[in-house]
Amino acid sequence: MSTEPRINDRIRVPEVRLVGPSGEQVGIVPLAKALELAQEYDLDLVEVAATARPPVCKLMDYGKFKYESAMKAREARKNQAHTVIKEMKLRPKIDPHDYDTKKGHVVRFLKQGDKVKITIMFRGREQSRPELGFRLLQRLANDVQDLGFVESSAKQDGRNMIMVLGPHKKKTEAMAEARAAQDARKAERQGRNVGPADADDDADHDAALEAENAALEAEADDATDEDADDAAQDEAEAGDTAADAEQPAEIAQDA
């Protein structure tokens, strides 16, 4: 069913409550009179309240009205903030350089107004030292406390330890700042007559961002593979333990 209002000859009622082009109340008039006024003003007769008795109609430029409504809806969608939870995975005995790199990603996510789920992955005998993961999560939370806060404190979840960081800055504020910075860069490029070298710099910047995102995806894949390897290693260790337990029984039977 169409949701568009009826206009002009599609209106099928004997009389309407008419509203003028400037919003003034004309009153209840016959439909033929309303259509005649619409032709005089070179406007459309649009039914704006079909359930009223009589229906309310307004004189307007319907094409312009539809365009302005579409632009308002587009602007409203642009300003909508979608909650996104990023994830960063670390090892309890992470290298200092790797820690700085991953902390940089967490800082970038928080600046964008996104939540960040920090996962410490334990493997093998590391599972008996949960305090290592807890101290690492506390360290990270202290390093980024200017940008985010601990929304969900550290807790053990099987082989992992999880903590969620929330940003101090709202998503809408981060989006507004990002658009302002983008507009400023665009104005600066236009003001200095962007040349081929500047265009290459912009392309290099975009390529760097894409490479960074690809690196994050690769890290997630590697973490998944490492989890699978850990599971296989644990199963192998469990099998060796069971074999050691059965061996004395076999020796006893031979005796």
C-alpha atoms as a PDB file:
ATOM      1  CA  MET A   1       0.000   0.000   0.000  1.00  0.00           C
ATOM      2  CA  SER A   2       1.304   3.449  -0.922  1.00  0.00           C
ATOM      3  CA  THR A   3       2.109   5.760   1.977  1.00  0.00           C
ATOM      4  CA  GLU A   4       2.182   8.932  -0.130  1.00  0.00           C
ATOM      5  CA  PRO A   5      -0.624  11.430   0.435  1.00  0.00           C
ATOM      6  CA  ARG A   6      -3.332  11.943  -2.153  1.00  0.00           C
ATOM      7  CA  ILE A   7      -2.930  15.066  -4.276  1.00  0.00           C
ATOM      8  CA  ASN A   8      -5.111  17.076  -6.649  1.00  0.00           C
ATOM      9  CA  ASP A   9      -7.555  14.899  -8.633  1.00  0.00           C
ATOM     10  CA  ARG A  10      -6.797  11.821  -6.478  1.00  0.00           C
ATOM     11  CA  ILE A  11      -8.651  13.433  -3.565  1.00  0.00           C
ATOM     12  CA  ARG A  12     -12.213  12.006  -3.525  1.00  0.00           C
ATOM     13  CA  VAL A  13     -14.223  13.942  -0.929  1.00  0.00           C
ATOM     14  CA  PRO A  14     -16.932  16.576  -1.341  1.00  0.00           C
ATOM     15  CA  GLU A  15     -15.236  19.220   0.833  1.00  0.00           C
ATOM     16  CA  VAL A  16     -11.930  19.820   2.632  1.00  0.00           C
ATOM     17  CA  ARG A  17     -10.509  21.978   5.387  1.00  0.00           C
ATOM     18  CA  LEU A  18      -8.063  24.107   3.412  1.00  0.00           C
ATOM     19  CA  VAL A  19      -4.732  25.514   4.593  1.00  0.00           C
ATOM     20  CA  GLY A  20      -3.095  28.204   2.461  1.00  0.00           C
ATOM     21  CA  PRO A  21       0.490  28.262   1.120  1.00  0.00           C
ATOM     22  CA  SER A  22       1.747  30.242   4.138  1.00  0.00           C
ATOM     23  CA  GLY A  23      -0.087  28.123   6.690  1.00  0.00           C
ATOM     24  CA  GLU A  24      -3.104  30.387   7.005  1.00  0.00           C
ATOM     25  CA  GLN A  25      -6.491  28.789   7.674  1.00  0.00           C
ATOM     26  CA  VAL A  26      -8.850  29.251   4.739  1.00  0.00           C
ATOM     27  CA  GLY A  27     -11.641  27.135   6.226  1.00  0.00           C
ATOM     28  CA  ILE A  28     -13.936  24.401   4.939  1.00  0.00           C
ATOM     29  CA  VAL A  29     -14.441  24.730   1.190  1.00  0.00           C
ATOM     30  CA  PRO A  30     -15.790  22.475  -1.585  1.00  0.00           C
ATOM     31  CA  LEU A  31     -13.178  20.301  -3.270  1.00  0.00           C
ATOM     32  CA  ALA A  32     -13.751  22.040  -6.605  1.00  0.00           C
ATOM     33  CA  LYS A  33     -13.010  25.434  -5.005  1.00  0.00           C
ATOM     34  CA  ALA A  34      -9.816  24.070  -3.403  1.00  0.00           C
ATOM     35  CA  LEU A  35      -8.620  22.708  -6.743  1.00  0.00           C
ATOM     36  CA  GLU A  36      -9.411  26.037  -8.399  1.00  0.00           C
ATOM     37  CA  LEU A  37      -7.299  27.898  -5.809  1.00  0.00           C
ATOM     38  CA  ALA A  38      -4.463  25.433  -6.348  1.00  0.00           C
ATOM     39  CA  GLN A  39      -4.475  26.221 -10.077  1.00  0.00           C
ATOM     40  CA  GLU A  40      -4.504  29.962  -9.374  1.00  0.00           C
ATOM     41  CA  TYR A  41      -1.435  29.699  -7.116  1.00  0.00           C
ATOM     42  CA  ASP A  42       0.221  27.179  -9.473  1.00  0.00           C
ATOM     43  CA  LEU A  43       0.528  24.751  -6.557  1.00  0.00           C
ATOM     44  CA  ASP A  44      -0.688  21.279  -5.622  1.00  0.00           C
ATOM     45  CA  LEU A  45      -3.571  20.418  -3.338  1.00  0.00           C
ATOM     46  CA  VAL A  46      -2.124  17.890  -0.882  1.00  0.00           C
ATOM     47  CA  GLU A  47      -4.130  15.894   1.648  1.00  0.00           C
ATOM     48  CA  VAL A  48      -2.135  16.187   4.909  1.00  0.00           C
ATOM     49  CA  ALA A  49      -4.670  14.733   7.373  1.00  0.00           C
ATOM     50  CA  ALA A  50      -6.823  12.106   5.672  1.00  0.00           C
ATOM     51  CA  THR A  51      -8.499  10.881   8.883  1.00  0.00           C
ATOM     52  CA  ALA A  52      -9.873  14.295   9.861  1.00  0.00           C
ATOM     53  CA  ARG A  53     -13.503  15.130   9.131  1.00  0.00           C
ATOM     54  CA  PRO A  54     -13.382  16.815   6.705  1.00  0.00           C
ATOM     55  CA  PRO A  55      -9.841  15.934   5.553  1.00  0.00           C
ATOM     56  CA  VAL A  56      -7.235  18.686   5.895  1.00  0.00           C
ATOM     57  CA  CYS A  57      -5.552  19.740   2.661  1.00  0.00           C
ATOM     58  CA  LYS A  58      -2.788  22.237   2.044  1.00  0.00           C
ATOM     59  CA  LEU A  59      -1.648  24.227  -0.958  1.00  0.00           C
ATOM     60  CA  MET A  60       2.048  23.510  -1.600  1.00  0.00           C
ATOM     61  CA  ASP A  61       4.674  22.630  -4.178  1.00  0.00           C
ATOM     62  CA  TYR A  62       4.535  18.866  -3.686  1.00  0.00           C
ATOM     63  CA  GLY A  63       7.745  18.143  -5.616  1.00  0.00           C
ATOM     64  CA  LYS A  64       9.715  20.586  -3.483  1.00  0.00           C
ATOM     65  CA  PHE A  65       8.091  19.172  -0.339  1.00  0.00           C
ATOM     66  CA  LYS A  66       9.142  15.610  -1.221  1.00  0.00           C
ATOM     67  CA  TYR A  67      12.718  16.721  -1.930  1.00  0.00           C
ATOM     68  CA  GLU A  68      13.035  18.602   1.366  1.00  0.00           C
ATOM     69  CA  SER A  69      11.566  15.651   3.282  1.00  0.00           C
ATOM     70  CA  ALA A  70      14.063  13.264   1.670  1.00  0.00           C
ATOM     71  CA  MET A  71      16.967  15.569   2.542  1.00  0.00           C
ATOM     72  CA  LYS A  72      15.823  15.821   6.185  1.00  0.00           C
ATOM     73  CA  ALA A  73      15.544  12.045   6.437  1.00  0.00           C
ATOM     74  CA  ARG A  74      19.011  11.644   4.927  1.00  0.00           C
ATOM     75  CA  GLU A  75      20.494  14.129   7.406  1.00  0.00           C
ATOM     76  CA  ALA A  76      18.783  12.343  10.290  1.00  0.00           C
ATOM     77  CA  ARG A  77      20.272   9.001   9.197  1.00  0.00           C
ATOM     78  CA  LYS A  78      23.702  10.610   8.920  1.00  0.00           C
ATOM     79  CA  ASN A  79      23.512  11.825  12.521  1.00  0.00           C
ATOM     80  CA  GLN A  80      22.409   8.455  13.897  1.00  0.00           C
ATOM     81  CA  ALA A  81      24.957   6.829  16.173  1.00  0.00           C
ATOM     82  CA  HIS A  82      25.309   3.046  16.010  1.00  0.00           C
ATOM     83  CA  THR A  83      26.912   1.382  19.001  1.00  0.00           C
ATOM     84  CA  VAL A  84      29.910  -0.634  17.858  1.00  0.00           C
ATOM     85  CA  ILE A  85      31.984  -2.973  20.039  1.00  0.00           C
ATOM     86  CA  LYS A  86      35.520  -3.484  18.771  1.00  0.00           C
ATOM     87  CA  GLU A  87      37.668  -6.342  20.048  1.00  0.00           C
ATOM     88  CA  MET A  88      41.369  -6.486  20.806  1.00  0.00           C
ATOM     89  CA  LYS A  89      43.106  -9.752  21.786  1.00  0.00           C
ATOM     90  CA  LEU A  90      46.319  -9.940  23.803  1.00  0.00           C
ATOM     91  CA  ARG A  91      48.557 -12.606  25.317  1.00  0.00           C
ATOM     92  CA  PRO A  92      49.547 -12.522  29.015  1.00  0.00           C
ATOM     93  CA  LYS A  93      53.272 -12.370  28.108  1.00  0.00           C
ATOM     94  CA  ILE A  94      52.920  -9.857  25.288  1.00  0.00           C
ATOM     95  CA  ASP A  95      56.004  -8.151  23.866  1.00  0.00           C
ATOM     96  CA  PRO A  96      56.310  -4.424  24.818  1.00  0.00           C
ATOM     97  CA  HIS A  97      56.265  -3.329  21.167  1.00  0.00           C
ATOM     98  CA  ASP A  98      53.159  -5.422  20.437  1.00  0.00           C
ATOM     99  CA  TYR A  99      51.516  -3.984  23.540  1.00  0.00           C
ATOM    100  CA  ASP A 100      52.150  -0.422  22.345  1.00  0.00           C
ATOM    101  CA  THR A 101      50.725  -1.281  18.919  1.00  0.00           C
ATOM    102  CA  LYS A 102      47.556  -2.819  20.306  1.00  0.00           C
ATOM    103  CA  LYS A 103      47.160   0.010  22.815  1.00  0.00           C
ATOM    104  CA  GLY A 104      47.293   2.419  19.866  1.00  0.00           C
ATOM    105  CA  HIS A 105      44.372   0.573  18.257  1.00  0.00           C
ATOM    106  CA  VAL A 106      42.403   0.760  21.519  1.00  0.00           C
ATOM    107  CA  VAL A 107      43.084   4.517  21.728  1.00  0.00           C
ATOM    108  CA  ARG A 108      41.850   4.983  18.160  1.00  0.00           C
ATOM    109  CA  PHE A 109      38.663   3.012  18.840  1.00  0.00           C
ATOM    110  CA  LEU A 110      37.902   5.009  21.989  1.00  0.00           C
ATOM    111  CA  LYS A 111      38.508   8.297  20.153  1.00  0.00           C
ATOM    112  CA  GLN A 112      35.937   7.178  17.581  1.00  0.00           C
ATOM    113  CA  GLY A 113      33.411   6.713  20.403  1.00  0.00           C
ATOM    114  CA  ASP A 114      33.371   2.901  20.174  1.00  0.00           C
ATOM    115  CA  LYS A 115      33.437   0.401  23.011  1.00  0.00           C
ATOM    116  CA  VAL A 116      36.383  -1.988  23.125  1.00  0.00           C
ATOM    117  CA  LYS A 117      36.297  -5.589  24.343  1.00  0.00           C
ATOM    118  CA  ILE A 118      39.747  -6.606  25.585  1.00  0.00           C
ATOM    119  CA  THR A 119      40.400 -10.358  25.596  1.00  0.00           C
ATOM    120  CA  ILE A 120      43.429 -11.957  27.274  1.00  0.00           C
ATOM    121  CA  MET A 121      43.998 -15.399  25.761  1.00  0.00           C
ATOM    122  CA  PHE A 122      45.700 -18.046  27.931  1.00  0.00           C
ATOM    123  CA  ARG A 123      47.360 -21.108  26.486  1.00  0.00           C
ATOM    124  CA  GLY A 124      48.722 -24.225  28.146  1.00  0.00           C
ATOM    125  CA  ARG A 125      50.111 -23.635  31.631  1.00  0.00           C
ATOM    126  CA  GLU A 126      49.335 -19.911  31.433  1.00  0.00           C
ATOM    127  CA  GLN A 127      45.828 -20.818  32.588  1.00  0.00           C
ATOM    128  CA  SER A 128      47.230 -21.402  36.078  1.00  0.00           C
ATOM    129  CA  ARG A 129      48.422 -17.766  36.239  1.00  0.00           C
ATOM    130  CA  PRO A 130      45.277 -15.631  35.809  1.00  0.00           C
ATOM    131  CA  GLU A 131      46.906 -12.797  37.764  1.00  0.00           C
ATOM    132  CA  LEU A 132      49.125 -12.108  34.733  1.00  0.00           C
ATOM    133  CA  GLY A 133      46.076 -11.317  32.601  1.00  0.00           C
ATOM    134  CA  PHE A 134      44.443  -9.309  35.367  1.00  0.00           C
ATOM    135  CA  ARG A 135      47.532  -7.107  35.809  1.00  0.00           C
ATOM    136  CA  LEU A 136      47.770  -6.598  32.041  1.00  0.00           C
ATOM    137  CA  LEU A 137      44.134  -5.479  31.855  1.00  0.00           C
ATOM    138  CA  GLN A 138      44.648  -3.086  34.765  1.00  0.00           C
ATOM    139  CA  ARG A 139      47.705  -1.648  33.051  1.00  0.00           C
ATOM    140  CA  LEU A 140      45.821  -1.070  29.809  1.00  0.00           C
ATOM    141  CA  ALA A 141      42.869   0.518  31.607  1.00  0.00           C
ATOM    142  CA  ASN A 142      45.218   2.940  33.391  1.00  0.00           C
ATOM    143  CA  ASP A 143      47.025   3.812  30.140  1.00  0.00           C
ATOM    144  CA  VAL A 144      43.778   4.843  28.390  1.00  0.00           C
ATOM    145  CA  GLN A 145      41.864   6.271  31.361  1.00  0.00           C
ATOM    146  CA  ASP A 146      41.828   9.743  29.730  1.00  0.00           C
ATOM    147  CA  LEU A 147      39.811   8.344  26.817  1.00  0.00           C
ATOM    148  CA  GLY A 148      37.766   5.535  28.360  1.00  0.00           C
ATOM    149  CA  PHE A 149      36.617   3.837  31.521  1.00  0.00           C
ATOM    150  CA  VAL A 150      36.148   0.241  32.629  1.00  0.00           C
ATOM    151  CA  GLU A 151      32.537  -0.530  31.771  1.00  0.00           C
ATOM    152  CA  SER A 152      32.779  -4.243  32.595  1.00  0.00           C
ATOM    153  CA  SER A 153      35.552  -5.319  34.969  1.00  0.00           C
ATOM    154  CA  ALA A 154      37.876  -8.212  34.210  1.00  0.00           C
ATOM    155  CA  LYS A 155      36.371 -11.674  34.559  1.00  0.00           C
ATOM    156  CA  GLN A 156      37.450 -15.186  33.607  1.00  0.00           C
ATOM    157  CA  ASP A 157      35.595 -16.837  30.747  1.00  0.00           C
ATOM    158  CA  GLY A 158      37.004 -20.309  30.163  1.00  0.00           C
ATOM    159  CA  ARG A 159      40.452 -19.964  28.596  1.00  0.00           C
ATOM    160  CA  ASN A 160      40.066 -16.183  28.260  1.00  0.00           C
ATOM    161  CA  MET A 161      39.819 -13.152  30.529  1.00  0.00           C
ATOM    162  CA  ILE A 162      37.583 -10.337  29.298  1.00  0.00           C
ATOM    163  CA  MET A 163      37.199  -6.639  30.103  1.00  0.00           C
ATOM    164  CA  VAL A 164      35.093  -3.995  28.313  1.00  0.00           C
ATOM    165  CA  LEU A 165      36.190  -0.361  27.994  1.00  0.00           C
ATOM    166  CA  GLY A 166      33.651   2.385  27.300  1.00  0.00           C
ATOM    167  CA  PRO A 167      34.550   5.771  25.752  1.00  0.00           C
ATOM    168  CA  HIS A 168      34.156   9.036  27.640  1.00  0.00           C
ATOM    169  CA  LYS A 169      33.174  10.682  24.345  1.00  0.00           C
ATOM    170  CA  LYS A 170      29.762   9.935  22.877  1.00  0.00           C
ATOM    171  CA  LYS A 171      29.555   8.429  19.409  1.00  0.00           C
ATOM    172  CA  THR A 172      27.669  11.458  18.056  1.00  0.00           C
ATOM    173  CA  GLU A 173      30.355  13.821  19.345  1.00  0.00           C
ATOM    174  CA  ALA A 174      33.111  11.722  17.788  1.00  0.00           C
ATOM    175  CA  MET A 175      31.249  11.642  14.462  1.00  0.00           C
ATOM    176  CA  ALA A 176      30.752  15.427  14.541  1.00  0.00           C
ATOM    177  CA  GLU A 177      34.438  16.016  15.265  1.00  0.00           C
ATOM    178  CA  ALA A 178      35.483  13.613  12.506  1.00  0.00           C
ATOM    179  CA  ARG A 179      33.228  15.392   9.980  1.00  0.00           C
ATOM    180  CA  ALA A 180      34.550  18.787  11.091  1.00  0.00           C
ATOM    181  CA  ALA A 181      38.137  17.597  10.688  1.00  0.00           C
ATOM    182  CA  GLN A 182      37.306  16.145   7.265  1.00  0.00           C
ATOM    183  CA  ASP A 183      35.697  19.406   6.160  1.00  0.00           C
ATOM    184  CA  ALA A 184      38.714  21.351   7.447  1.00  0.00           C
ATOM    185  CA  ARG A 185      41.123  19.145   5.485  1.00  0.00           C
ATOM    186  CA  LYS A 186      38.981  19.500   2.367  1.00  0.00           C
ATOM    187  CA  ALA A 187      38.895  23.288   2.730  1.00  0.00           C
ATOM    188  CA  GLU A 188      42.667  23.337   3.272  1.00  0.00           C
ATOM    189  CA  ARG A 189      43.277  21.253   0.152  1.00  0.00           C
ATOM    190  CA  GLN A 190      41.014  23.517  -1.891  1.00  0.00           C
ATOM    191  CA  GLY A 191      42.714  26.624  -0.487  1.00  0.00           C
ATOM    192  CA  ARG A 192      46.200  25.473  -1.454  1.00  0.00           C
ATOM    193  CA  ASN A 193      45.156  24.131  -4.871  1.00  0.00           C
ATOM    194  CA  VAL A 194      45.814  20.449  -4.385  1.00  0.00           C
ATOM    195  CA  GLY A 195      48.444  19.133  -6.765  1.00  0.00           C
ATOM    196  CA  PRO A 196      49.451  15.620  -7.773  1.00  0.00           C
ATOM    197  CA  ALA A 197      51.800  15.291  -4.785  1.00  0.00           C
ATOM    198  CA  ASP A 198      49.011  16.180  -2.337  1.00  0.00           C
ATOM    199  CA  ALA A 199      46.662  13.758  -4.031  1.00  0.00           C
ATOM    200  CA  ASP A 200      49.326  11.048  -3.686  1.00  0.00           C
ATOM    201  CA  ASP A 201      49.640  11.850   0.036  1.00  0.00           C
ATOM    202  CA  ASP A 202      45.875  11.495   0.481  1.00  0.00           C
ATOM    203  CA  ALA A 203      45.926   8.206  -1.405  1.00  0.00           C
ATOM    204  CA  ASP A 204      48.829   6.984   0.747  1.00  0.00           C
ATOM    205  CA  HIS A 205      46.867   7.921   3.870  1.00  0.00           C
ATOM    206  CA  ASP A 206      43.813   5.970   2.672  1.00  0.00           C
ATOM    207  CA  ALA A 207      45.996   3.005   1.773  1.00  0.00           C
ATOM    208  CA  ALA A 208      47.574   3.096   5.229  1.00  0.00           C
ATOM    209  CA  LEU A 209      44.147   2.980   6.868  1.00  0.00           C
ATOM    210  CA  GLU A 210      43.112   0.038   4.693  1.00  0.00           C
ATOM    211  CA  ALA A 211      46.358  -1.782   5.527  1.00  0.00           C
ATOM    212  CA  GLU A 212      45.764  -1.160   9.221  1.00  0.00           C
ATOM    213  CA  ASN A 213      42.255  -2.599   9.037  1.00  0.00           C
ATOM    214  CA  ALA A 214      43.567  -5.611   7.131  1.00  0.00           C
ATOM    215  CA  ALA A 215      46.214  -6.125   9.810  1.00  0.00           C
ATOM    216  CA  LEU A 216      43.529  -6.128  12.506  1.00  0.00           C
ATOM    217  CA  GLU A 217      41.543  -8.764  10.608  1.00  0.00           C
ATOM    218  CA  ALA A 218      44.692 -10.849  10.185  1.00  0.00           C
ATOM    219  CA  GLU A 219      45.360 -10.614  13.923  1.00  0.00           C
ATOM    220  CA  ALA A 220      41.851 -11.874  14.615  1.00  0.00           C
ATOM    221  CA  ASP A 221      42.380 -14.816  12.230  1.00  0.00           C
ATOM    222  CA  ASP A 222      45.735 -15.628  13.825  1.00  0.00           C
ATOM    223  CA  ALA A 223      44.139 -15.549  17.260  1.00  0.00           C
ATOM    224  CA  THR A 224      41.487 -18.015  16.080  1.00  0.00           C
ATOM    225  CA  ASP A 225      44.171 -20.312  14.674  1.00  0.00           C
ATOM    226  CA  GLU A 226      46.135 -20.071  17.902  1.00  0.00           C
ATOM    227  CA  ASP A 227      43.037 -21.026  19.895  1.00  0.00           C
ATOM    228  CA  ALA A 228      42.614 -24.101  17.701  1.00  0.00           C
ATOM    229  CA  ASP A 229      46.287 -25.002  18.197  1.00  0.00           C
ATOM    230  CA  ASP A 230      45.898 -24.576  21.947  1.00  0.00           C
ATOM    231  CA  ALA A 231      42.900 -26.899  21.980  1.00  0.00           C
ATOM    232  CA  ALA A 232      44.805 -29.522  19.992  1.00  0.00           C
ATOM    233  CA  GLN A 233      47.786 -29.170  22.325  1.00  0.00           C
ATOM    234  CA  ASP A 234      45.584 -29.614  25.397  1.00  0.00           C
ATOM    235  CA  GLU A 235      43.972 -32.722  23.895  1.00  0.00           C
ATOM    236  CA  ALA A 236      47.407 -34.149  23.149  1.00  0.00           C
ATOM    237  CA  GLU A 237      48.590 -33.470  26.701  1.00  0.00           C
ATOM    238  CA  ALA A 238      45.433 -35.097  28.085  1.00  0.00           C
ATOM    239  CA  GLY A 239      46.033 -38.167  25.882  1.00  0.00           C
ATOM    240  CA  ASP A 240      49.632 -38.466  27.087  1.00  0.00           C
ATOM    241  CA  THR A 241      48.487 -38.271  30.707  1.00  0.00           C
ATOM    242  CA  ALA A 242      45.908 -41.029  30.159  1.00  0.00           C
ATOM    243  CA  ALA A 243      48.517 -43.230  28.487  1.00  0.00           C
ATOM    244  CA  ASP A 244      50.886 -42.784  31.426  1.00  0.00           C
ATOM    245  CA  ALA A 245      48.105 -43.779  33.804  1.00  0.00           C
ATOM    246  CA  GLU A 246      47.332 -47.002  31.878  1.00  0.00           C
ATOM    247  CA  GLN A 247      50.954 -48.134  31.558  1.00  0.00           C
ATOM    248  CA  PRO A 248      51.410 -49.416  35.203  1.00  0.00           C
ATOM    249  CA  ALA A 249      48.260 -51.501  34.868  1.00  0.00           C
ATOM    250  CA  GLU A 250      49.617 -53.258  31.761  1.00  0.00           C
ATOM    251  CA  ILE A 251      52.916 -53.973  33.513  1.00  0.00           C
ATOM    252  CA  ALA A 252      51.032 -55.479  36.449  1.00  0.00           C
ATOM    253  CA  GLN A 253      49.166 -57.882  34.144  1.00  0.00           C
ATOM    254  CA  ASP A 254      52.433 -59.080  32.574  1.00  0.00           C
ATOM    255  CA  ALA A 255      53.807 -59.806  36.001  1.00  0.00           C
END
